[in-house]
C-alpha atoms as a PDB file:
ATOM      1  CA  UNK A   1      16.612  53.640 -12.620  1.00  0.00           C
ATOM      2  CA  UNK A   2      17.348  53.160  -8.939  1.00  0.00           C
ATOM      3  CA  UNK A   3      17.252  49.381  -9.307  1.00  0.00           C
ATOM      4  CA  UNK A   4      19.636  49.523 -12.283  1.00  0.00           C
ATOM      5  CA  UNK A   5      22.103  51.798 -10.443  1.00  0.00           C
ATOM      6  CA  UNK A   6      22.026  49.396  -7.474  1.00  0.00           C
ATOM      7  CA  UNK A   7      22.668  46.341  -9.710  1.00  0.00           C
ATOM      8  CA  UNK A   8      25.613  48.065 -11.425  1.00  0.00           C
ATOM      9  CA  UNK A   9      26.984  49.291  -8.129  1.00  0.00           C
ATOM     10  CA  UNK A  10      26.875  45.846  -6.466  1.00  0.00           C
ATOM     11  CA  UNK A  11      28.307  44.206  -9.554  1.00  0.00           C
ATOM     12  CA  UNK A  12      31.366  46.514  -9.600  1.00  0.00           C
ATOM     13  CA  UNK A  13      31.721  46.133  -5.808  1.00  0.00           C
ATOM     14  CA  UNK A  14      31.732  42.360  -6.086  1.00  0.00           C
ATOM     15  CA  UNK A  15      34.383  42.501  -8.879  1.00  0.00           C
ATOM     16  CA  UNK A  16      36.527  44.795  -6.670  1.00  0.00           C
ATOM     17  CA  UNK A  17      36.091  42.355  -3.764  1.00  0.00           C
ATOM     18  CA  UNK A  18      37.277  39.485  -5.977  1.00  0.00           C
ATOM     19  CA  UNK A  19      40.591  41.285  -6.556  1.00  0.00           C
ATOM     20  CA  UNK A  20      40.936  41.949  -2.825  1.00  0.00           C
ATOM     21  CA  UNK A  21      40.016  38.363  -1.888  1.00  0.00           C
ATOM     22  CA  UNK A  22      42.499  37.009  -4.403  1.00  0.00           C
ATOM     23  CA  UNK A  23      45.228  39.210  -3.092  1.00  0.00           C
ATOM     24  CA  UNK A  24      44.642  38.316   0.563  1.00  0.00           C
ATOM     25  CA  UNK A  25      43.944  34.671  -0.193  1.00  0.00           C
ATOM     26  CA  UNK A  26      40.361  34.760   1.144  1.00  0.00           C
ATOM     27  CA  UNK A  27      39.330  31.433  -0.294  1.00  0.00           C
ATOM     28  CA  UNK A  28      37.115  28.442   0.554  1.00  0.00           C
ATOM     29  CA  UNK A  29      38.864  25.099   0.610  1.00  0.00           C
ATOM     30  CA  UNK A  30      36.775  21.953   0.382  1.00  0.00           C
ATOM     31  CA  UNK A  31      36.171  20.250   3.779  1.00  0.00           C
ATOM     32  CA  UNK A  32      34.054  17.326   5.026  1.00  0.00           C
ATOM     33  CA  UNK A  33      30.929  19.487   5.204  1.00  0.00           C
ATOM     34  CA  UNK A  34      31.230  21.043   1.704  1.00  0.00           C
ATOM     35  CA  UNK A  35      30.237  19.451  -1.552  1.00  0.00           C
ATOM     36  CA  UNK A  36      32.524  21.509  -3.850  1.00  0.00           C
ATOM     37  CA  UNK A  37      35.923  20.182  -4.899  1.00  0.00           C
ATOM     38  CA  UNK A  38      37.782  23.349  -6.026  1.00  0.00           C
ATOM     39  CA  UNK A  39      39.122  26.265  -4.186  1.00  0.00           C
ATOM     40  CA  UNK A  40      36.737  29.247  -4.523  1.00  0.00           C
ATOM     41  CA  UNK A  41      36.644  32.848  -3.385  1.00  0.00           C
ATOM     42  CA  UNK A  42      34.955  33.156   0.011  1.00  0.00           C
ATOM     43  CA  UNK A  43      32.933  36.102   1.318  1.00  0.00           C
ATOM     44  CA  UNK A  44      31.107  37.255  -1.802  1.00  0.00           C
ATOM     45  CA  UNK A  45      28.077  37.672   0.444  1.00  0.00           C
ATOM     46  CA  UNK A  46      29.687  40.776   1.836  1.00  0.00           C
ATOM     47  CA  UNK A  47      27.388  42.567  -0.610  1.00  0.00           C
ATOM     48  CA  UNK A  48      24.556  41.941   1.793  1.00  0.00           C
ATOM     49  CA  UNK A  49      26.271  43.885   4.561  1.00  0.00           C
ATOM     50  CA  UNK A  50      27.128  46.660   2.126  1.00  0.00           C
ATOM     51  CA  UNK A  51      23.470  46.870   1.171  1.00  0.00           C
ATOM     52  CA  UNK A  52      22.491  47.451   4.807  1.00  0.00           C
ATOM     53  CA  UNK A  53      25.186  50.101   5.132  1.00  0.00           C
ATOM     54  CA  UNK A  54      23.966  51.872   2.017  1.00  0.00           C
ATOM     55  CA  UNK A  55      20.393  51.854   3.174  1.00  0.00           C
ATOM     56  CA  UNK A  56      21.389  53.109   6.599  1.00  0.00           C
ATOM     57  CA  UNK A  57      23.032  56.154   5.083  1.00  0.00           C
ATOM     58  CA  UNK A  58      20.398  56.640   2.392  1.00  0.00           C
ATOM     59  CA  UNK A  59      17.519  56.533   4.879  1.00  0.00           C
ATOM     60  CA  UNK A  60      19.194  59.049   7.192  1.00  0.00           C
ATOM     61  CA  UNK A  61      20.259  56.406   9.660  1.00  0.00           C
ATOM     62  CA  UNK A  62      17.124  54.342  10.114  1.00  0.00           C
ATOM     63  CA  UNK A  63      17.098  51.272  12.378  1.00  0.00           C
ATOM     64  CA  UNK A  64      20.368  52.061  14.201  1.00  0.00           C
ATOM     65  CA  UNK A  65      20.251  49.136  16.642  1.00  0.00           C
ATOM     66  CA  UNK A  66      19.718  46.641  13.832  1.00  0.00           C
ATOM     67  CA  UNK A  67      22.405  48.306  11.757  1.00  0.00           C
ATOM     68  CA  UNK A  68      24.905  48.084  14.663  1.00  0.00           C
ATOM     69  CA  UNK A  69      24.122  44.468  15.350  1.00  0.00           C
ATOM     70  CA  UNK A  70      24.367  43.438  11.736  1.00  0.00           C
ATOM     71  CA  UNK A  71      27.604  45.213  11.167  1.00  0.00           C
ATOM     72  CA  UNK A  72      29.137  43.722  14.265  1.00  0.00           C
ATOM     73  CA  UNK A  73      28.185  40.152  13.429  1.00  0.00           C
ATOM     74  CA  UNK A  74      29.277  40.724   9.863  1.00  0.00           C
ATOM     75  CA  UNK A  75      32.700  41.817  10.980  1.00  0.00           C
ATOM     76  CA  UNK A  76      33.309  38.818  13.180  1.00  0.00           C
ATOM     77  CA  UNK A  77      31.897  36.504  10.555  1.00  0.00           C
ATOM     78  CA  UNK A  78      34.219  37.981   7.880  1.00  0.00           C
ATOM     79  CA  UNK A  79      37.159  37.438  10.270  1.00  0.00           C
ATOM     80  CA  UNK A  80      35.925  33.926  10.705  1.00  0.00           C
ATOM     81  CA  UNK A  81      36.060  33.478   6.897  1.00  0.00           C
ATOM     82  CA  UNK A  82      39.694  34.634   6.969  1.00  0.00           C
ATOM     83  CA  UNK A  83      41.030  32.986  10.143  1.00  0.00           C
ATOM     84  CA  UNK A  84      38.429  30.362  11.204  1.00  0.00           C
ATOM     85  CA  UNK A  85      37.504  31.594  14.692  1.00  0.00           C
ATOM     86  CA  UNK A  86      36.294  29.522  17.614  1.00  0.00           C
ATOM     87  CA  UNK A  87      32.544  29.605  18.490  1.00  0.00           C
ATOM     88  CA  UNK A  88      33.473  31.333  21.727  1.00  0.00           C
ATOM     89  CA  UNK A  89      34.364  34.367  19.708  1.00  0.00           C
ATOM     90  CA  UNK A  90      31.572  34.161  17.191  1.00  0.00           C
ATOM     91  CA  UNK A  91      28.630  33.412  19.518  1.00  0.00           C
ATOM     92  CA  UNK A  92      28.762  36.661  21.668  1.00  0.00           C
ATOM     93  CA  UNK A  93      28.451  38.635  18.423  1.00  0.00           C
ATOM     94  CA  UNK A  94      25.638  36.539  17.174  1.00  0.00           C
ATOM     95  CA  UNK A  95      23.755  36.995  20.447  1.00  0.00           C
ATOM     96  CA  UNK A  96      24.474  40.763  20.149  1.00  0.00           C
ATOM     97  CA  UNK A  97      22.947  40.854  16.739  1.00  0.00           C
ATOM     98  CA  UNK A  98      19.749  39.257  17.944  1.00  0.00           C
ATOM     99  CA  UNK A  99      19.769  41.524  21.007  1.00  0.00           C
ATOM    100  CA  UNK A 100      19.916  44.545  18.734  1.00  0.00           C
ATOM    101  CA  UNK A 101      16.852  43.236  16.882  1.00  0.00           C
ATOM    102  CA  UNK A 102      15.073  42.960  20.193  1.00  0.00           C
ATOM    103  CA  UNK A 103      15.960  46.560  21.021  1.00  0.00           C
ATOM    104  CA  UNK A 104      15.157  47.847  17.567  1.00  0.00           C
ATOM    105  CA  UNK A 105      11.702  46.288  17.508  1.00  0.00           C
ATOM    106  CA  UNK A 106      11.076  47.083  21.174  1.00  0.00           C
ATOM    107  CA  UNK A 107      10.390  43.469  21.934  1.00  0.00           C
ATOM    108  CA  UNK A 108      11.554  43.730  25.538  1.00  0.00           C
ATOM    109  CA  UNK A 109       8.818  46.240  26.356  1.00  0.00           C
ATOM    110  CA  UNK A 110       6.006  44.461  24.584  1.00  0.00           C
ATOM    111  CA  UNK A 111       6.634  40.792  25.602  1.00  0.00           C
ATOM    112  CA  UNK A 112       7.638  38.943  28.733  1.00  0.00           C
ATOM    113  CA  UNK A 113      11.226  38.374  29.802  1.00  0.00           C
ATOM    114  CA  UNK A 114      10.742  34.649  29.123  1.00  0.00           C
ATOM    115  CA  UNK A 115       9.688  35.433  25.549  1.00  0.00           C
ATOM    116  CA  UNK A 116      12.738  37.671  25.041  1.00  0.00           C
ATOM    117  CA  UNK A 117      15.141  34.954  26.296  1.00  0.00           C
ATOM    118  CA  UNK A 118      13.471  32.352  24.113  1.00  0.00           C
ATOM    119  CA  UNK A 119      13.623  34.616  21.076  1.00  0.00           C
ATOM    120  CA  UNK A 120      17.301  35.377  21.788  1.00  0.00           C
ATOM    121  CA  UNK A 121      18.186  31.713  21.803  1.00  0.00           C
ATOM    122  CA  UNK A 122      16.012  30.742  18.869  1.00  0.00           C
ATOM    123  CA  UNK A 123      17.242  33.751  16.942  1.00  0.00           C
ATOM    124  CA  UNK A 124      20.918  32.630  17.271  1.00  0.00           C
ATOM    125  CA  UNK A 125      19.803  29.099  16.278  1.00  0.00           C
ATOM    126  CA  UNK A 126      18.080  30.453  13.140  1.00  0.00           C
ATOM    127  CA  UNK A 127      21.169  32.390  11.900  1.00  0.00           C
ATOM    128  CA  UNK A 128      23.395  29.437  12.539  1.00  0.00           C
ATOM    129  CA  UNK A 129      21.023  27.046  10.733  1.00  0.00           C
ATOM    130  CA  UNK A 130      20.998  29.472   7.791  1.00  0.00           C
ATOM    131  CA  UNK A 131      24.760  29.377   7.835  1.00  0.00           C
ATOM    132  CA  UNK A 132      24.966  25.573   8.038  1.00  0.00           C
ATOM    133  CA  UNK A 133      22.552  25.287   5.079  1.00  0.00           C
ATOM    134  CA  UNK A 134      24.969  27.193   2.879  1.00  0.00           C
ATOM    135  CA  UNK A 135      26.577  24.133   1.351  1.00  0.00           C
ATOM    136  CA  UNK A 136      25.911  24.069  -2.378  1.00  0.00           C
ATOM    137  CA  UNK A 137      26.052  26.581  -5.218  1.00  0.00           C
ATOM    138  CA  UNK A 138      22.984  28.871  -5.345  1.00  0.00           C
ATOM    139  CA  UNK A 139      21.170  27.617  -2.301  1.00  0.00           C
ATOM    140  CA  UNK A 140      21.707  30.691  -0.047  1.00  0.00           C
ATOM    141  CA  UNK A 141      21.136  33.196  -2.871  1.00  0.00           C
ATOM    142  CA  UNK A 142      18.176  31.439  -4.365  1.00  0.00           C
ATOM    143  CA  UNK A 143      16.427  30.785  -1.066  1.00  0.00           C
ATOM    144  CA  UNK A 144      17.027  34.340   0.146  1.00  0.00           C
ATOM    145  CA  UNK A 145      15.697  35.726  -3.067  1.00  0.00           C
ATOM    146  CA  UNK A 146      12.515  33.808  -2.619  1.00  0.00           C
ATOM    147  CA  UNK A 147      11.962  35.065   0.932  1.00  0.00           C
ATOM    148  CA  UNK A 148      12.716  38.701   0.060  1.00  0.00           C
ATOM    149  CA  UNK A 149      10.348  38.608  -2.901  1.00  0.00           C
ATOM    150  CA  UNK A 150       7.627  37.100  -0.644  1.00  0.00           C
ATOM    151  CA  UNK A 151       8.243  39.790   1.892  1.00  0.00           C
ATOM    152  CA  UNK A 152       8.015  42.436  -0.808  1.00  0.00           C
ATOM    153  CA  UNK A 153       4.634  41.052  -1.847  1.00  0.00           C
ATOM    154  CA  UNK A 154       3.453  41.159   1.725  1.00  0.00           C
ATOM    155  CA  UNK A 155       4.729  44.719   2.156  1.00  0.00           C
ATOM    156  CA  UNK A 156       3.011  45.999  -0.962  1.00  0.00           C
ATOM    157  CA  UNK A 157      -0.214  43.885  -1.245  1.00  0.00           C
ATOM    158  CA  UNK A 158      -1.027  42.929   2.353  1.00  0.00           C
ATOM    159  CA  UNK A 159       0.472  45.219   5.063  1.00  0.00           C
ATOM    160  CA  UNK A 160       3.240  47.723   4.831  1.00  0.00           C
ATOM    161  CA  UNK A 161       5.880  47.030   7.534  1.00  0.00           C
ATOM    162  CA  UNK A 162       9.174  48.205   6.034  1.00  0.00           C
ATOM    163  CA  UNK A 163      10.414  50.796   3.459  1.00  0.00           C
ATOM    164  CA  UNK A 164      10.412  49.270   0.003  1.00  0.00           C
ATOM    165  CA  UNK A 165      13.858  50.813  -0.529  1.00  0.00           C
ATOM    166  CA  UNK A 166      15.265  48.556   2.215  1.00  0.00           C
ATOM    167  CA  UNK A 167      13.965  45.504   0.310  1.00  0.00           C
ATOM    168  CA  UNK A 168      15.277  46.876  -2.968  1.00  0.00           C
ATOM    169  CA  UNK A 169      18.790  47.431  -1.594  1.00  0.00           C
ATOM    170  CA  UNK A 170      19.053  43.972  -0.143  1.00  0.00           C
ATOM    171  CA  UNK A 171      17.321  42.235  -2.976  1.00  0.00           C
ATOM    172  CA  UNK A 172      19.630  43.855  -5.559  1.00  0.00           C
ATOM    173  CA  UNK A 173      22.727  42.712  -3.574  1.00  0.00           C
ATOM    174  CA  UNK A 174      21.354  39.157  -3.510  1.00  0.00           C
ATOM    175  CA  UNK A 175      20.574  39.162  -7.253  1.00  0.00           C
ATOM    176  CA  UNK A 176      24.101  40.257  -8.059  1.00  0.00           C
ATOM    177  CA  UNK A 177      25.484  37.610  -5.719  1.00  0.00           C
ATOM    178  CA  UNK A 178      23.278  34.996  -7.534  1.00  0.00           C
ATOM    179  CA  UNK A 179      24.965  35.982 -10.823  1.00  0.00           C
ATOM    180  CA  UNK A 180      28.330  34.987  -9.540  1.00  0.00           C
ATOM    181  CA  UNK A 181      27.256  32.101  -7.361  1.00  0.00           C
ATOM    182  CA  UNK A 182      24.213  30.426  -8.968  1.00  0.00           C
ATOM    183  CA  UNK A 183      26.219  28.621 -11.640  1.00  0.00           C
ATOM    184  CA  UNK A 184      27.802  25.246 -12.142  1.00  0.00           C
ATOM    185  CA  UNK A 185      31.257  26.545 -11.251  1.00  0.00           C
ATOM    186  CA  UNK A 186      30.670  29.331  -8.764  1.00  0.00           C
ATOM    187  CA  UNK A 187      32.948  32.331  -8.862  1.00  0.00           C
ATOM    188  CA  UNK A 188      32.452  32.938  -5.170  1.00  0.00           C
ATOM    189  CA  UNK A 189      30.738  31.603  -2.035  1.00  0.00           C
ATOM    190  CA  UNK A 190      28.708  33.751   0.402  1.00  0.00           C
ATOM    191  CA  UNK A 191      30.998  32.839   3.234  1.00  0.00           C
ATOM    192  CA  UNK A 192      29.876  33.299   6.896  1.00  0.00           C
ATOM    193  CA  UNK A 193      29.802  37.056   6.335  1.00  0.00           C
ATOM    194  CA  UNK A 194      27.143  36.510   3.726  1.00  0.00           C
ATOM    195  CA  UNK A 195      25.031  33.647   5.137  1.00  0.00           C
ATOM    196  CA  UNK A 196      25.000  35.032   8.750  1.00  0.00           C
ATOM    197  CA  UNK A 197      24.316  38.594   7.605  1.00  0.00           C
ATOM    198  CA  UNK A 198      21.424  37.716   5.263  1.00  0.00           C
ATOM    199  CA  UNK A 199      20.005  35.469   8.024  1.00  0.00           C
ATOM    200  CA  UNK A 200      20.007  38.399  10.403  1.00  0.00           C
ATOM    201  CA  UNK A 201      18.433  40.703   7.819  1.00  0.00           C
ATOM    202  CA  UNK A 202      15.690  38.171   6.993  1.00  0.00           C
ATOM    203  CA  UNK A 203      15.077  37.369  10.678  1.00  0.00           C
ATOM    204  CA  UNK A 204      14.646  41.104  11.385  1.00  0.00           C
ATOM    205  CA  UNK A 205      12.130  41.529   8.512  1.00  0.00           C
ATOM    206  CA  UNK A 206      10.097  38.468   9.504  1.00  0.00           C
ATOM    207  CA  UNK A 207      10.046  39.423  13.140  1.00  0.00           C
ATOM    208  CA  UNK A 208       8.935  42.946  12.270  1.00  0.00           C
ATOM    209  CA  UNK A 209       5.992  41.864  10.148  1.00  0.00           C
ATOM    210  CA  UNK A 210       5.039  39.193  12.703  1.00  0.00           C
ATOM    211  CA  UNK A 211       4.889  41.835  15.460  1.00  0.00           C
ATOM    212  CA  UNK A 212       3.012  44.355  13.396  1.00  0.00           C
ATOM    213  CA  UNK A 213       0.461  41.813  12.178  1.00  0.00           C
ATOM    214  CA  UNK A 214       0.548  39.988  15.517  1.00  0.00           C
ATOM    215  CA  UNK A 215       0.873  36.754  13.640  1.00  0.00           C
ATOM    216  CA  UNK A 216       3.844  34.330  13.791  1.00  0.00           C
ATOM    217  CA  UNK A 217       2.770  32.576  10.516  1.00  0.00           C
ATOM    218  CA  UNK A 218       5.396  34.553   8.613  1.00  0.00           C
ATOM    219  CA  UNK A 219       8.194  32.414  10.273  1.00  0.00           C
ATOM    220  CA  UNK A 220       7.051  29.681   7.897  1.00  0.00           C
ATOM    221  CA  UNK A 221       8.874  31.656   5.268  1.00  0.00           C
ATOM    222  CA  UNK A 222      11.811  29.816   6.704  1.00  0.00           C
ATOM    223  CA  UNK A 223      10.067  26.419   6.999  1.00  0.00           C
ATOM    224  CA  UNK A 224      12.172  24.468   4.416  1.00  0.00           C
ATOM    225  CA  UNK A 225      15.477  25.451   5.983  1.00  0.00           C
ATOM    226  CA  UNK A 226      14.004  25.089   9.453  1.00  0.00           C
ATOM    227  CA  UNK A 227      12.672  21.558   9.034  1.00  0.00           C
ATOM    228  CA  UNK A 228      15.861  20.374   7.353  1.00  0.00           C
ATOM    229  CA  UNK A 229      18.022  21.896  10.097  1.00  0.00           C
ATOM    230  CA  UNK A 230      15.995  20.692  13.044  1.00  0.00           C
ATOM    231  CA  UNK A 231      15.456  17.119  11.841  1.00  0.00           C
ATOM    232  CA  UNK A 232      19.128  16.891  10.908  1.00  0.00           C
ATOM    233  CA  UNK A 233      20.129  18.044  14.409  1.00  0.00           C
ATOM    234  CA  UNK A 234      17.802  15.296  15.901  1.00  0.00           C
ATOM    235  CA  UNK A 235      19.321  12.645  13.708  1.00  0.00           C
ATOM    236  CA  UNK A 236      22.860  13.730  14.597  1.00  0.00           C
ATOM    237  CA  UNK A 237      22.083  13.847  18.351  1.00  0.00           C
ATOM    238  CA  UNK A 238      20.587  10.386  18.010  1.00  0.00           C
ATOM    239  CA  UNK A 239      23.900   9.164  16.538  1.00  0.00           C
ATOM    240  CA  UNK A 240      25.760  10.991  19.309  1.00  0.00           C
ATOM    241  CA  UNK A 241      27.561  13.242  16.850  1.00  0.00           C
ATOM    242  CA  UNK A 242      28.906  16.700  17.661  1.00  0.00           C
ATOM    243  CA  UNK A 243      26.285  18.928  16.088  1.00  0.00           C
ATOM    244  CA  UNK A 244      28.800  21.855  15.949  1.00  0.00           C
ATOM    245  CA  UNK A 245      31.247  20.013  13.689  1.00  0.00           C
ATOM    246  CA  UNK A 246      31.179  20.117   9.890  1.00  0.00           C
ATOM    247  CA  UNK A 247      29.079  17.427   8.256  1.00  0.00           C
ATOM    248  CA  UNK A 248      27.174  16.247   5.197  1.00  0.00           C
ATOM    249  CA  UNK A 249      23.971  15.238   6.987  1.00  0.00           C
ATOM    250  CA  UNK A 250      21.519  17.790   5.718  1.00  0.00           C
ATOM    251  CA  UNK A 251      18.914  16.315   3.328  1.00  0.00           C
ATOM    252  CA  UNK A 252      20.191  18.352   0.377  1.00  0.00           C
ATOM    253  CA  UNK A 253      23.740  17.176   1.041  1.00  0.00           C
ATOM    254  CA  UNK A 254      22.653  13.596   1.208  1.00  0.00           C
ATOM    255  CA  UNK A 255      20.730  13.877  -2.053  1.00  0.00           C
ATOM    256  CA  UNK A 256      23.510  15.655  -3.949  1.00  0.00           C
ATOM    257  CA  UNK A 257      26.264  13.377  -2.499  1.00  0.00           C
ATOM    258  CA  UNK A 258      24.391  10.028  -2.860  1.00  0.00           C
ATOM    259  CA  UNK A 259      22.244  10.695  -5.925  1.00  0.00           C
ATOM    260  CA  UNK A 260      24.769  12.965  -7.771  1.00  0.00           C
ATOM    261  CA  UNK A 261      22.036  15.468  -8.467  1.00  0.00           C
ATOM    262  CA  UNK A 262      23.450  18.863  -9.729  1.00  0.00           C
ATOM    263  CA  UNK A 263      23.909  21.496  -7.165  1.00  0.00           C
ATOM    264  CA  UNK A 264      21.826  24.021  -9.024  1.00  0.00           C
ATOM    265  CA  UNK A 265      18.908  21.609  -9.506  1.00  0.00           C
ATOM    266  CA  UNK A 266      18.893  20.904  -5.759  1.00  0.00           C
ATOM    267  CA  UNK A 267      19.111  24.656  -4.911  1.00  0.00           C
ATOM    268  CA  UNK A 268      16.270  25.264  -7.313  1.00  0.00           C
ATOM    269  CA  UNK A 269      14.119  22.587  -5.680  1.00  0.00           C
ATOM    270  CA  UNK A 270      14.590  24.010  -2.269  1.00  0.00           C
ATOM    271  CA  UNK A 271      13.944  27.555  -3.481  1.00  0.00           C
ATOM    272  CA  UNK A 272      10.884  26.550  -5.428  1.00  0.00           C
ATOM    273  CA  UNK A 273       9.450  24.543  -2.553  1.00  0.00           C
ATOM    274  CA  UNK A 274       9.886  27.555  -0.225  1.00  0.00           C
ATOM    275  CA  UNK A 275       8.357  29.855  -2.931  1.00  0.00           C
ATOM    276  CA  UNK A 276       5.204  27.713  -3.058  1.00  0.00           C
ATOM    277  CA  UNK A 277       4.944  27.656   0.712  1.00  0.00           C
ATOM    278  CA  UNK A 278       5.443  31.442   0.895  1.00  0.00           C
ATOM    279  CA  UNK A 279       2.643  32.148  -1.494  1.00  0.00           C
ATOM    280  CA  UNK A 280       0.344  29.584   0.026  1.00  0.00           C
ATOM    281  CA  UNK A 281       0.819  31.518   3.351  1.00  0.00           C
ATOM    282  CA  UNK A 282       0.288  34.850   1.622  1.00  0.00           C
ATOM    283  CA  UNK A 283      -2.913  33.541  -0.033  1.00  0.00           C
ATOM    284  CA  UNK A 284      -4.270  32.600   3.414  1.00  0.00           C
ATOM    285  CA  UNK A 285      -3.406  35.898   5.129  1.00  0.00           C
ATOM    286  CA  UNK A 286      -6.981  37.278   4.804  1.00  0.00           C
ATOM    287  CA  UNK A 287      -8.389  33.960   6.235  1.00  0.00           C
ATOM    288  CA  UNK A 288      -9.275  33.483   9.897  1.00  0.00           C
ATOM    289  CA  UNK A 289      -6.257  32.722  12.015  1.00  0.00           C
ATOM    290  CA  UNK A 290      -7.440  29.162  12.680  1.00  0.00           C
ATOM    291  CA  UNK A 291      -7.291  28.458   8.892  1.00  0.00           C
ATOM    292  CA  UNK A 292      -3.834  29.920   8.731  1.00  0.00           C
ATOM    293  CA  UNK A 293      -2.580  27.868  11.611  1.00  0.00           C
ATOM    294  CA  UNK A 294      -4.064  24.723  10.252  1.00  0.00           C
ATOM    295  CA  UNK A 295      -2.358  25.465   6.946  1.00  0.00           C
ATOM    296  CA  UNK A 296       0.906  26.102   8.691  1.00  0.00           C
ATOM    297  CA  UNK A 297       0.617  22.903  10.722  1.00  0.00           C
ATOM    298  CA  UNK A 298      -0.104  20.941   7.597  1.00  0.00           C
ATOM    299  CA  UNK A 299       2.925  22.400   5.917  1.00  0.00           C
ATOM    300  CA  UNK A 300       5.203  21.409   8.754  1.00  0.00           C
ATOM    301  CA  UNK A 301       3.801  17.895   9.021  1.00  0.00           C
ATOM    302  CA  UNK A 302       4.154  17.317   5.241  1.00  0.00           C
ATOM    303  CA  UNK A 303       7.718  18.717   5.260  1.00  0.00           C
ATOM    304  CA  UNK A 304       8.796  16.624   8.233  1.00  0.00           C
ATOM    305  CA  UNK A 305       7.197  13.457   6.877  1.00  0.00           C
ATOM    306  CA  UNK A 306       8.726  13.964   3.404  1.00  0.00           C
ATOM    307  CA  UNK A 307      12.112  14.708   4.921  1.00  0.00           C
ATOM    308  CA  UNK A 308      12.177  11.517   6.953  1.00  0.00           C
ATOM    309  CA  UNK A 309      10.779   9.387   4.108  1.00  0.00           C
ATOM    310  CA  UNK A 310      13.277  10.622   1.549  1.00  0.00           C
ATOM    311  CA  UNK A 311      16.196  10.401   3.913  1.00  0.00           C
ATOM    312  CA  UNK A 312      15.258   6.860   4.915  1.00  0.00           C
ATOM    313  CA  UNK A 313      14.858   5.679   1.297  1.00  0.00           C
ATOM    314  CA  UNK A 314      18.235   7.103   0.260  1.00  0.00           C
ATOM    315  CA  UNK A 315      20.246   5.910   3.224  1.00  0.00           C
ATOM    316  CA  UNK A 316      18.536   2.555   3.374  1.00  0.00           C
ATOM    317  CA  UNK A 317      19.499   1.886  -0.294  1.00  0.00           C
ATOM    318  CA  UNK A 318      23.109   2.961   0.534  1.00  0.00           C
ATOM    319  CA  UNK A 319      23.185   0.471   3.453  1.00  0.00           C
ATOM    320  CA  UNK A 320      21.838  -2.330   1.338  1.00  0.00           C
ATOM    321  CA  UNK A 321      24.367  -1.574  -1.455  1.00  0.00           C
ATOM    322  CA  UNK A 322      27.244  -1.729   1.104  1.00  0.00           C
END
C-alpha cells in the first residue's frame, strides 16, 4: 500500500510540475551535446529531491546534513535549468553537497585529511559525470533504477546499511520519472536538478555501505558510467578540447549519433550491463576480499578495453567514409 501511495503521489506531483514548467517555460532546447531534436520539459527529476524531502519528514528528520546538502545543490541545479548558470555558481554548492555527506557519515573523524580532500574532489567529479551522462531518453532513470535495486538487494540480503523506506521513497520517484522519460518521445528530461540530485543520493548510499562494510567494491555499481566518463575525458584532453563544454563524445552518444541506434535501446544496454556487473559484485560479496578485488579489476579492464575498441571501430569507419 505504501508503494502504491508513493507511486500515485509522485505521478500527480510530476503532472503538476509539467503545468508549472509549461507556464514558466522551463524547457530543454537541443544543443551540441544533446541528441534530441525537439523542445522538451526540463527538470522532471525534481521528483528525486521531493522524495528526499518526504523521507526527511517521514523519518523524523534523519540524515540532516545529507538532506541540507542535497536540498542546496538541488536548488542551484534547478536555477541552472532555468537560467543556465556559470560553473562558478554551481561548483561551490556541489562541493557543499559532498561536504555534507562527509559530515553525515563522519568521514572526517574516521579517515585522514588527505582522504577527505580526495573524496571531496572525486565526489564532485562523480556527480558531474552523472550529469554529463544524462544525454538520451531513459539513461538516467534506467541506470539509477538498476543501482537502487542493487542497493536494496544488498540492504536486505547482505548487510543492512540504510532504512528500506529511504530506498522505497527514492526508487518510487525514479520509477515514476521513467514512465514519463523512458519512451521514444520523452515528456520530460531530468534536468540538472534531477541528474545531480540522484547522483548525490546514490553517492551517499554507496559511500555509506562502503564504510559500514569497509569495502570500496560497491563503487563499481557506478563502473559503466565511470569508465565512459573517465575515458571520454582522456580522449578530449588528448584532443585539447575544453572538457567543461557541451559535447557528443561519450560512447553512447557516438553510437546513437553514428549508428542511429534508438535511444531506448542504448539506455537499456547501459542499464543491463550495469545490472549484470552489480549482481556479479553482489554474488562475490561473501568471497575473500582478494577474489572481490580481482573480479573488480577484471570488470574495469574489460570495460575499458571494450570502450576503446568500440569507439575506435566506429570512428575509424567514419574517417574512412569521409
